[in-house]
Amino acid sequence: MKLTDKEIELLNSKDGFYALLKRKKLNIRKSLKEAKYAHEMNKKQEEMIKLQSWVIENDKKVVIVFEGRDAAGKGGAIRRLTERINPRHFRSVALNIPSDDEQKQWFFQRYINQLPNPGEIVLFDRSWYNRAVVEPVNGFCTEEEYRVFMSQVNQFEKMLVQSNTYLVKFYFSITKKEQARRFKDIKKSPLKRWKMTAVDERAQDLWDSYTEYKEKMFEVTNSEHAPWRIIDANNKRYARLEAIKHILKTIPYE
């Protein structure tokens, strides 16, 4: 395999050495691919530090929503996005099942309680869009509750944007075959088994129903003030880089 000067330089870097030495058997092509990904990710994470500094210094508020099917890689993308930035000025939010009191509140109330303060970034690992897809598919809400949510969500997000909050919405899209493969890997791993829930176990059987509600969600909520960015997430590395690139392009940091 003939390498360019740039590729040789990359393999001689810290990222290159790590990619070469982590394997029992030498594989230049795979090591080069990993080194390129690590190099690009490092550059994007450096930019995320600049973006966060701009948010802090200018009292900006940022909300980033991560949606997608189970095992789509939302959590991994959030970890890559945040692993280099200041932990005092961002929060990752993954809410549990609502309490009895929360069920009696306005649906958006518990999400409002998690919105960013000035100078803060908040990332939602699943969000209010649970009511657009997961809840109706699994019978966790009534048809009336679903209808009310769909009639209110665009106005709710418009109020967010009008209150000087940057809102970015991601949907990580994977195929049915890829989801099945990831579920299999999760079940085999003692370190990942905890991720599988009763809802996950039914996800493959309810695939078409998820698809139907997902398409309704896009049709109604892909608004001008809060558009969706759909990312092909079958390749986790590609998805993570694309998410960070989109954030850097969307938020006008200096």
C-alpha atoms as a PDB file:
ATOM      1  CA  MET A   1       0.000   0.000   0.000  1.00  0.00           C
ATOM      2  CA  LYS A   2       1.558   3.268  -1.153  1.00  0.00           C
ATOM      3  CA  LEU A   3       1.064   6.158   1.257  1.00  0.00           C
ATOM      4  CA  THR A   4       1.144   9.879   0.588  1.00  0.00           C
ATOM      5  CA  ASP A   5       3.394  12.188   2.614  1.00  0.00           C
ATOM      6  CA  LYS A   6       0.302  13.489   4.413  1.00  0.00           C
ATOM      7  CA  GLU A   7      -0.795   9.964   5.359  1.00  0.00           C
ATOM      8  CA  ILE A   8       2.697   9.117   6.636  1.00  0.00           C
ATOM      9  CA  GLU A   9       2.672  12.289   8.717  1.00  0.00           C
ATOM     10  CA  LEU A  10      -0.715  11.333  10.142  1.00  0.00           C
ATOM     11  CA  LEU A  11       0.449   7.824  11.069  1.00  0.00           C
ATOM     12  CA  ASN A  12       3.470   9.372  12.815  1.00  0.00           C
ATOM     13  CA  SER A  13       1.208  11.562  14.930  1.00  0.00           C
ATOM     14  CA  LYS A  14      -0.153  10.669  18.369  1.00  0.00           C
ATOM     15  CA  ASP A  15      -3.489   9.620  16.820  1.00  0.00           C
ATOM     16  CA  GLY A  16      -1.643   7.507  14.241  1.00  0.00           C
ATOM     17  CA  PHE A  17       0.545   5.733  16.788  1.00  0.00           C
ATOM     18  CA  TYR A  18      -2.483   4.919  18.931  1.00  0.00           C
ATOM     19  CA  ALA A  19      -4.399   3.532  15.938  1.00  0.00           C
ATOM     20  CA  LEU A  20      -1.410   1.377  14.906  1.00  0.00           C
ATOM     21  CA  LEU A  21      -0.565   0.017  18.350  1.00  0.00           C
ATOM     22  CA  LYS A  22      -4.115  -0.814  19.529  1.00  0.00           C
ATOM     23  CA  ARG A  23      -4.280  -3.781  17.111  1.00  0.00           C
ATOM     24  CA  LYS A  24      -2.642  -7.162  17.602  1.00  0.00           C
ATOM     25  CA  LYS A  25      -2.139  -7.416  13.847  1.00  0.00           C
ATOM     26  CA  LEU A  26      -0.861  -4.521  11.778  1.00  0.00           C
ATOM     27  CA  ASN A  27      -3.509  -3.077   9.474  1.00  0.00           C
ATOM     28  CA  ILE A  28      -2.354   0.151   7.847  1.00  0.00           C
ATOM     29  CA  ARG A  29      -5.600   0.875   6.035  1.00  0.00           C
ATOM     30  CA  LYS A  30      -7.823   0.575   9.131  1.00  0.00           C
ATOM     31  CA  SER A  31      -5.310   2.383  11.311  1.00  0.00           C
ATOM     32  CA  LEU A  32      -5.153   5.257   8.831  1.00  0.00           C
ATOM     33  CA  LYS A  33      -8.936   5.472   8.751  1.00  0.00           C
ATOM     34  CA  GLU A  34      -9.099   5.613  12.549  1.00  0.00           C
ATOM     35  CA  ALA A  35      -6.325   8.206  12.725  1.00  0.00           C
ATOM     36  CA  LYS A  36      -8.118  10.422  10.192  1.00  0.00           C
ATOM     37  CA  TYR A  37     -11.335  10.209  12.218  1.00  0.00           C
ATOM     38  CA  ALA A  38      -9.532  10.986  15.490  1.00  0.00           C
ATOM     39  CA  HIS A  39      -7.698  13.923  13.905  1.00  0.00           C
ATOM     40  CA  GLU A  40     -10.896  15.420  12.496  1.00  0.00           C
ATOM     41  CA  MET A  41     -12.786  14.836  15.747  1.00  0.00           C
ATOM     42  CA  ASN A  42     -10.040  16.623  17.698  1.00  0.00           C
ATOM     43  CA  LYS A  43     -10.283  19.631  15.378  1.00  0.00           C
ATOM     44  CA  LYS A  44     -14.067  19.786  15.743  1.00  0.00           C
ATOM     45  CA  GLN A  45     -13.820  19.451  19.522  1.00  0.00           C
ATOM     46  CA  GLU A  46     -11.394  22.381  19.562  1.00  0.00           C
ATOM     47  CA  GLU A  47     -14.051  24.411  17.750  1.00  0.00           C
ATOM     48  CA  MET A  48     -16.659  23.291  20.288  1.00  0.00           C
ATOM     49  CA  ILE A  49     -14.441  24.789  23.023  1.00  0.00           C
ATOM     50  CA  LYS A  50     -14.459  28.105  21.114  1.00  0.00           C
ATOM     51  CA  LEU A  51     -18.226  27.893  20.673  1.00  0.00           C
ATOM     52  CA  GLN A  52     -18.748  27.257  24.382  1.00  0.00           C
ATOM     53  CA  SER A  53     -16.473  30.181  25.293  1.00  0.00           C
ATOM     54  CA  TRP A  54     -18.592  32.423  23.072  1.00  0.00           C
ATOM     55  CA  VAL A  55     -21.777  31.118  24.745  1.00  0.00           C
ATOM     56  CA  ILE A  56     -20.361  31.812  28.220  1.00  0.00           C
ATOM     57  CA  GLU A  57     -18.908  35.249  27.460  1.00  0.00           C
ATOM     58  CA  ASN A  58     -22.064  36.471  25.721  1.00  0.00           C
ATOM     59  CA  ASP A  59     -24.698  34.885  28.023  1.00  0.00           C
ATOM     60  CA  LYS A  60     -26.132  32.840  25.156  1.00  0.00           C
ATOM     61  CA  LYS A  61     -28.507  29.913  25.669  1.00  0.00           C
ATOM     62  CA  VAL A  62     -28.279  26.727  23.592  1.00  0.00           C
ATOM     63  CA  VAL A  63     -30.608  23.706  23.481  1.00  0.00           C
ATOM     64  CA  ILE A  64     -29.608  20.650  21.445  1.00  0.00           C
ATOM     65  CA  VAL A  65     -32.180  17.871  21.053  1.00  0.00           C
ATOM     66  CA  PHE A  66     -31.110  14.321  20.161  1.00  0.00           C
ATOM     67  CA  GLU A  67     -33.869  12.042  18.924  1.00  0.00           C
ATOM     68  CA  GLY A  68     -33.816   8.709  17.107  1.00  0.00           C
ATOM     69  CA  ARG A  69     -34.747   5.076  17.480  1.00  0.00           C
ATOM     70  CA  ASP A  70     -33.388   2.961  20.312  1.00  0.00           C
ATOM     71  CA  ALA A  71     -29.663   2.166  19.821  1.00  0.00           C
ATOM     72  CA  ALA A  72     -29.270   4.933  17.215  1.00  0.00           C
ATOM     73  CA  GLY A  73     -26.166   6.297  18.977  1.00  0.00           C
ATOM     74  CA  LYS A  74     -27.557   9.448  20.571  1.00  0.00           C
ATOM     75  CA  GLY A  75     -25.685   8.998  23.855  1.00  0.00           C
ATOM     76  CA  GLY A  76     -22.358   8.317  22.149  1.00  0.00           C
ATOM     77  CA  ALA A  77     -22.722  11.442  20.011  1.00  0.00           C
ATOM     78  CA  ILE A  78     -23.438  13.548  23.116  1.00  0.00           C
ATOM     79  CA  ARG A  79     -20.332  12.162  24.834  1.00  0.00           C
ATOM     80  CA  ARG A  80     -18.088  13.020  21.874  1.00  0.00           C
ATOM     81  CA  LEU A  81     -19.603  16.466  21.615  1.00  0.00           C
ATOM     82  CA  THR A  82     -19.052  17.310  25.273  1.00  0.00           C
ATOM     83  CA  GLU A  83     -15.911  15.407  26.304  1.00  0.00           C
ATOM     84  CA  ARG A  84     -13.584  18.412  25.817  1.00  0.00           C
ATOM     85  CA  ILE A  85     -15.777  21.331  26.875  1.00  0.00           C
ATOM     86  CA  ASN A  86     -16.121  22.862  30.350  1.00  0.00           C
ATOM     87  CA  PRO A  87     -18.480  20.630  32.413  1.00  0.00           C
ATOM     88  CA  ARG A  88     -19.568  23.593  34.567  1.00  0.00           C
ATOM     89  CA  HIS A  89     -21.338  25.221  31.637  1.00  0.00           C
ATOM     90  CA  PHE A  90     -23.251  22.396  29.999  1.00  0.00           C
ATOM     91  CA  ARG A  91     -25.779  19.799  31.112  1.00  0.00           C
ATOM     92  CA  SER A  92     -26.835  16.533  29.520  1.00  0.00           C
ATOM     93  CA  VAL A  93     -30.479  15.754  30.331  1.00  0.00           C
ATOM     94  CA  ALA A  94     -32.111  12.319  30.098  1.00  0.00           C
ATOM     95  CA  LEU A  95     -35.355  12.459  32.062  1.00  0.00           C
ATOM     96  CA  ASN A  96     -36.913   9.444  33.739  1.00  0.00           C
ATOM     97  CA  ILE A  97     -40.564   8.432  33.569  1.00  0.00           C
ATOM     98  CA  PRO A  98     -42.626  11.382  34.890  1.00  0.00           C
ATOM     99  CA  SER A  99     -43.697  11.292  38.530  1.00  0.00           C
ATOM    100  CA  ASP A 100     -47.360  11.459  39.578  1.00  0.00           C
ATOM    101  CA  ASP A 101     -47.080  15.226  40.073  1.00  0.00           C
ATOM    102  CA  GLU A 102     -45.352  15.706  36.718  1.00  0.00           C
ATOM    103  CA  GLN A 103     -48.095  13.769  34.962  1.00  0.00           C
ATOM    104  CA  LYS A 104     -50.602  16.321  36.292  1.00  0.00           C
ATOM    105  CA  GLN A 105     -48.541  19.317  35.097  1.00  0.00           C
ATOM    106  CA  TRP A 106     -48.575  20.902  31.658  1.00  0.00           C
ATOM    107  CA  PHE A 107     -46.624  18.413  29.553  1.00  0.00           C
ATOM    108  CA  PHE A 108     -43.786  20.837  28.728  1.00  0.00           C
ATOM    109  CA  GLN A 109     -43.292  21.931  32.355  1.00  0.00           C
ATOM    110  CA  ARG A 110     -40.608  19.435  33.320  1.00  0.00           C
ATOM    111  CA  TYR A 111     -38.658  20.246  30.183  1.00  0.00           C
ATOM    112  CA  ILE A 112     -38.917  23.973  30.881  1.00  0.00           C
ATOM    113  CA  ASN A 113     -37.336  23.291  34.277  1.00  0.00           C
ATOM    114  CA  GLN A 114     -34.268  21.917  32.448  1.00  0.00           C
ATOM    115  CA  LEU A 115     -33.767  24.783  29.976  1.00  0.00           C
ATOM    116  CA  PRO A 116     -30.382  26.559  29.979  1.00  0.00           C
ATOM    117  CA  ASN A 117     -29.424  29.546  32.045  1.00  0.00           C
ATOM    118  CA  PRO A 118     -27.562  32.347  30.243  1.00  0.00           C
ATOM    119  CA  GLY A 119     -24.089  31.071  29.297  1.00  0.00           C
ATOM    120  CA  GLU A 120     -25.148  27.416  29.280  1.00  0.00           C
ATOM    121  CA  ILE A 121     -25.619  24.574  26.773  1.00  0.00           C
ATOM    122  CA  VAL A 122     -28.226  21.886  27.501  1.00  0.00           C
ATOM    123  CA  LEU A 123     -28.327  18.631  25.529  1.00  0.00           C
ATOM    124  CA  PHE A 124     -31.470  16.474  25.664  1.00  0.00           C
ATOM    125  CA  ASP A 125     -30.929  12.729  25.196  1.00  0.00           C
ATOM    126  CA  ARG A 126     -34.539  12.306  24.118  1.00  0.00           C
ATOM    127  CA  SER A 127     -36.812  15.254  24.754  1.00  0.00           C
ATOM    128  CA  TRP A 128     -40.417  16.420  24.630  1.00  0.00           C
ATOM    129  CA  TYR A 129     -40.576  14.515  21.334  1.00  0.00           C
ATOM    130  CA  ASN A 130     -41.127  11.335  23.346  1.00  0.00           C
ATOM    131  CA  ARG A 131     -44.777  12.285  23.092  1.00  0.00           C
ATOM    132  CA  ALA A 132     -44.563  12.487  19.302  1.00  0.00           C
ATOM    133  CA  VAL A 133     -43.312   8.925  18.774  1.00  0.00           C
ATOM    134  CA  VAL A 134     -42.387   6.697  21.744  1.00  0.00           C
ATOM    135  CA  GLU A 135     -45.446   7.401  23.889  1.00  0.00           C
ATOM    136  CA  PRO A 136     -48.194   6.923  21.270  1.00  0.00           C
ATOM    137  CA  VAL A 137     -46.503   3.826  19.803  1.00  0.00           C
ATOM    138  CA  ASN A 138     -46.278   2.162  23.219  1.00  0.00           C
ATOM    139  CA  GLY A 139     -49.624   3.383  24.567  1.00  0.00           C
ATOM    140  CA  PHE A 140     -48.054   5.683  27.184  1.00  0.00           C
ATOM    141  CA  CYS A 141     -50.333   8.589  26.299  1.00  0.00           C
ATOM    142  CA  THR A 142     -53.910   8.975  25.074  1.00  0.00           C
ATOM    143  CA  GLU A 143     -54.864  10.051  21.565  1.00  0.00           C
ATOM    144  CA  GLU A 144     -56.054  13.372  22.996  1.00  0.00           C
ATOM    145  CA  GLU A 145     -52.736  13.979  24.807  1.00  0.00           C
ATOM    146  CA  TYR A 146     -50.886  13.237  21.565  1.00  0.00           C
ATOM    147  CA  ARG A 147     -53.144  15.579  19.586  1.00  0.00           C
ATOM    148  CA  VAL A 148     -52.696  18.414  22.102  1.00  0.00           C
ATOM    149  CA  PHE A 149     -48.926  17.987  22.066  1.00  0.00           C
ATOM    150  CA  MET A 150     -48.747  18.112  18.272  1.00  0.00           C
ATOM    151  CA  SER A 151     -50.863  21.272  18.281  1.00  0.00           C
ATOM    152  CA  GLN A 152     -48.613  23.016  20.844  1.00  0.00           C
ATOM    153  CA  VAL A 153     -45.042  21.934  20.134  1.00  0.00           C
ATOM    154  CA  ASN A 154     -44.300  24.350  17.290  1.00  0.00           C
ATOM    155  CA  GLN A 155     -45.477  27.326  19.333  1.00  0.00           C
ATOM    156  CA  PHE A 156     -43.494  26.109  22.342  1.00  0.00           C
ATOM    157  CA  GLU A 157     -40.327  25.953  20.240  1.00  0.00           C
ATOM    158  CA  LYS A 158     -41.072  29.307  18.663  1.00  0.00           C
ATOM    159  CA  MET A 159     -41.240  30.859  22.129  1.00  0.00           C
ATOM    160  CA  LEU A 160     -37.875  29.281  22.937  1.00  0.00           C
ATOM    161  CA  VAL A 161     -36.268  30.744  19.836  1.00  0.00           C
ATOM    162  CA  GLN A 162     -37.877  34.143  20.402  1.00  0.00           C
ATOM    163  CA  SER A 163     -36.411  34.201  23.922  1.00  0.00           C
ATOM    164  CA  ASN A 164     -32.920  34.205  22.362  1.00  0.00           C
ATOM    165  CA  THR A 165     -32.326  30.468  22.701  1.00  0.00           C
ATOM    166  CA  TYR A 166     -30.521  28.595  19.936  1.00  0.00           C
ATOM    167  CA  LEU A 167     -32.436  25.366  19.266  1.00  0.00           C
ATOM    168  CA  VAL A 168     -30.858  22.529  17.276  1.00  0.00           C
ATOM    169  CA  LYS A 169     -32.856  19.330  16.625  1.00  0.00           C
ATOM    170  CA  PHE A 170     -31.183  16.087  15.514  1.00  0.00           C
ATOM    171  CA  TYR A 171     -32.802  12.838  14.429  1.00  0.00           C
ATOM    172  CA  PHE A 172     -30.352   9.922  14.263  1.00  0.00           C
ATOM    173  CA  SER A 173     -31.666   7.528  11.612  1.00  0.00           C
ATOM    174  CA  ILE A 174     -30.704   3.839  11.454  1.00  0.00           C
ATOM    175  CA  THR A 175     -32.036   0.869   9.493  1.00  0.00           C
ATOM    176  CA  LYS A 176     -34.015  -1.972  11.024  1.00  0.00           C
ATOM    177  CA  LYS A 177     -31.158  -4.384  10.292  1.00  0.00           C
ATOM    178  CA  GLU A 178     -28.602  -2.126  11.995  1.00  0.00           C
ATOM    179  CA  GLN A 179     -30.827  -1.705  15.053  1.00  0.00           C
ATOM    180  CA  ALA A 180     -31.147  -5.492  15.354  1.00  0.00           C
ATOM    181  CA  ARG A 181     -27.348  -5.869  15.108  1.00  0.00           C
ATOM    182  CA  ARG A 182     -26.764  -3.253  17.829  1.00  0.00           C
ATOM    183  CA  PHE A 183     -29.364  -4.830  20.125  1.00  0.00           C
ATOM    184  CA  LYS A 184     -27.557  -8.150  19.735  1.00  0.00           C
ATOM    185  CA  ASP A 185     -24.221  -6.537  20.661  1.00  0.00           C
ATOM    186  CA  ILE A 186     -25.775  -4.818  23.680  1.00  0.00           C
ATOM    187  CA  LYS A 187     -27.280  -8.055  24.993  1.00  0.00           C
ATOM    188  CA  LYS A 188     -23.933  -9.861  24.644  1.00  0.00           C
ATOM    189  CA  SER A 189     -21.994  -7.206  26.564  1.00  0.00           C
ATOM    190  CA  PRO A 190     -22.092  -7.299  30.405  1.00  0.00           C
ATOM    191  CA  LEU A 191     -21.167  -3.602  30.377  1.00  0.00           C
ATOM    192  CA  LYS A 192     -24.012  -2.574  28.065  1.00  0.00           C
ATOM    193  CA  ARG A 193     -26.841  -4.928  29.028  1.00  0.00           C
ATOM    194  CA  TRP A 194     -28.368  -2.327  31.348  1.00  0.00           C
ATOM    195  CA  LYS A 195     -29.229  -0.226  28.284  1.00  0.00           C
ATOM    196  CA  MET A 196     -31.911  -2.684  27.123  1.00  0.00           C
ATOM    197  CA  THR A 197     -35.374  -1.775  28.405  1.00  0.00           C
ATOM    198  CA  ALA A 198     -38.814  -3.284  27.921  1.00  0.00           C
ATOM    199  CA  VAL A 199     -39.468  -0.591  25.287  1.00  0.00           C
ATOM    200  CA  ASP A 200     -36.264  -1.575  23.449  1.00  0.00           C
ATOM    201  CA  GLU A 201     -37.330  -5.226  23.424  1.00  0.00           C
ATOM    202  CA  ARG A 202     -40.469  -4.303  21.471  1.00  0.00           C
ATOM    203  CA  ALA A 203     -38.777  -1.866  19.089  1.00  0.00           C
ATOM    204  CA  GLN A 204     -38.225  -4.303  16.229  1.00  0.00           C
ATOM    205  CA  ASP A 205     -41.806  -5.624  16.349  1.00  0.00           C
ATOM    206  CA  LEU A 206     -43.166  -2.054  16.382  1.00  0.00           C
ATOM    207  CA  TRP A 207     -40.796  -0.768  13.674  1.00  0.00           C
ATOM    208  CA  ASP A 208     -43.531   0.195  11.203  1.00  0.00           C
ATOM    209  CA  SER A 209     -45.567   1.981  13.870  1.00  0.00           C
ATOM    210  CA  TYR A 210     -42.487   3.975  14.911  1.00  0.00           C
ATOM    211  CA  THR A 211     -41.951   4.875  11.260  1.00  0.00           C
ATOM    212  CA  GLU A 212     -45.520   6.114  10.876  1.00  0.00           C
ATOM    213  CA  TYR A 213     -45.351   8.421  13.896  1.00  0.00           C
ATOM    214  CA  LYS A 214     -41.825   9.553  13.028  1.00  0.00           C
ATOM    215  CA  GLU A 215     -42.993  10.694   9.585  1.00  0.00           C
ATOM    216  CA  LYS A 216     -45.946  12.557  11.142  1.00  0.00           C
ATOM    217  CA  MET A 217     -43.509  14.255  13.507  1.00  0.00           C
ATOM    218  CA  PHE A 218     -41.318  15.461  10.654  1.00  0.00           C
ATOM    219  CA  GLU A 219     -44.322  16.621   8.643  1.00  0.00           C
ATOM    220  CA  VAL A 220     -45.734  18.748  11.469  1.00  0.00           C
ATOM    221  CA  THR A 221     -42.643  19.919  13.373  1.00  0.00           C
ATOM    222  CA  ASN A 222     -40.010  20.564  10.698  1.00  0.00           C
ATOM    223  CA  SER A 223     -40.622  24.286  11.086  1.00  0.00           C
ATOM    224  CA  GLU A 224     -38.722  27.239   9.697  1.00  0.00           C
ATOM    225  CA  HIS A 225     -37.699  28.413  13.168  1.00  0.00           C
ATOM    226  CA  ALA A 226     -36.752  24.901  14.397  1.00  0.00           C
ATOM    227  CA  PRO A 227     -35.929  22.546  11.498  1.00  0.00           C
ATOM    228  CA  TRP A 228     -34.841  18.938  11.918  1.00  0.00           C
ATOM    229  CA  ARG A 229     -31.385  17.753  10.883  1.00  0.00           C
ATOM    230  CA  ILE A 230     -31.680  14.080   9.961  1.00  0.00           C
ATOM    231  CA  ILE A 231     -28.371  12.207  10.210  1.00  0.00           C
ATOM    232  CA  ASP A 232     -27.598   8.799   8.724  1.00  0.00           C
ATOM    233  CA  ALA A 233     -26.431   7.075  11.906  1.00  0.00           C
ATOM    234  CA  ASN A 234     -25.649   3.577  10.612  1.00  0.00           C
ATOM    235  CA  ASN A 235     -22.007   4.685  10.787  1.00  0.00           C
ATOM    236  CA  LYS A 236     -21.466   5.992  14.322  1.00  0.00           C
ATOM    237  CA  ARG A 237     -18.296   7.919  13.538  1.00  0.00           C
ATOM    238  CA  TYR A 238     -19.847   9.684  10.570  1.00  0.00           C
ATOM    239  CA  ALA A 239     -22.945  10.548  12.637  1.00  0.00           C
ATOM    240  CA  ARG A 240     -20.906  12.050  15.486  1.00  0.00           C
ATOM    241  CA  LEU A 241     -18.835  14.217  13.168  1.00  0.00           C
ATOM    242  CA  GLU A 242     -21.879  15.355  11.202  1.00  0.00           C
ATOM    243  CA  ALA A 243     -23.692  16.373  14.387  1.00  0.00           C
ATOM    244  CA  ILE A 244     -20.768  18.497  15.596  1.00  0.00           C
ATOM    245  CA  LYS A 245     -20.273  20.025  12.126  1.00  0.00           C
ATOM    246  CA  HIS A 246     -23.948  21.015  12.001  1.00  0.00           C
ATOM    247  CA  ILE A 247     -23.814  22.661  15.440  1.00  0.00           C
ATOM    248  CA  LEU A 248     -20.689  24.624  14.484  1.00  0.00           C
ATOM    249  CA  LYS A 249     -22.349  25.732  11.254  1.00  0.00           C
ATOM    250  CA  THR A 250     -25.726  26.598  12.812  1.00  0.00           C
ATOM    251  CA  ILE A 251     -24.677  28.599  15.887  1.00  0.00           C
ATOM    252  CA  PRO A 252     -22.957  31.872  14.874  1.00  0.00           C
ATOM    253  CA  TYR A 253     -20.111  31.810  17.391  1.00  0.00           C
ATOM    254  CA  GLU A 254     -17.092  33.981  16.810  1.00  0.00           C
END
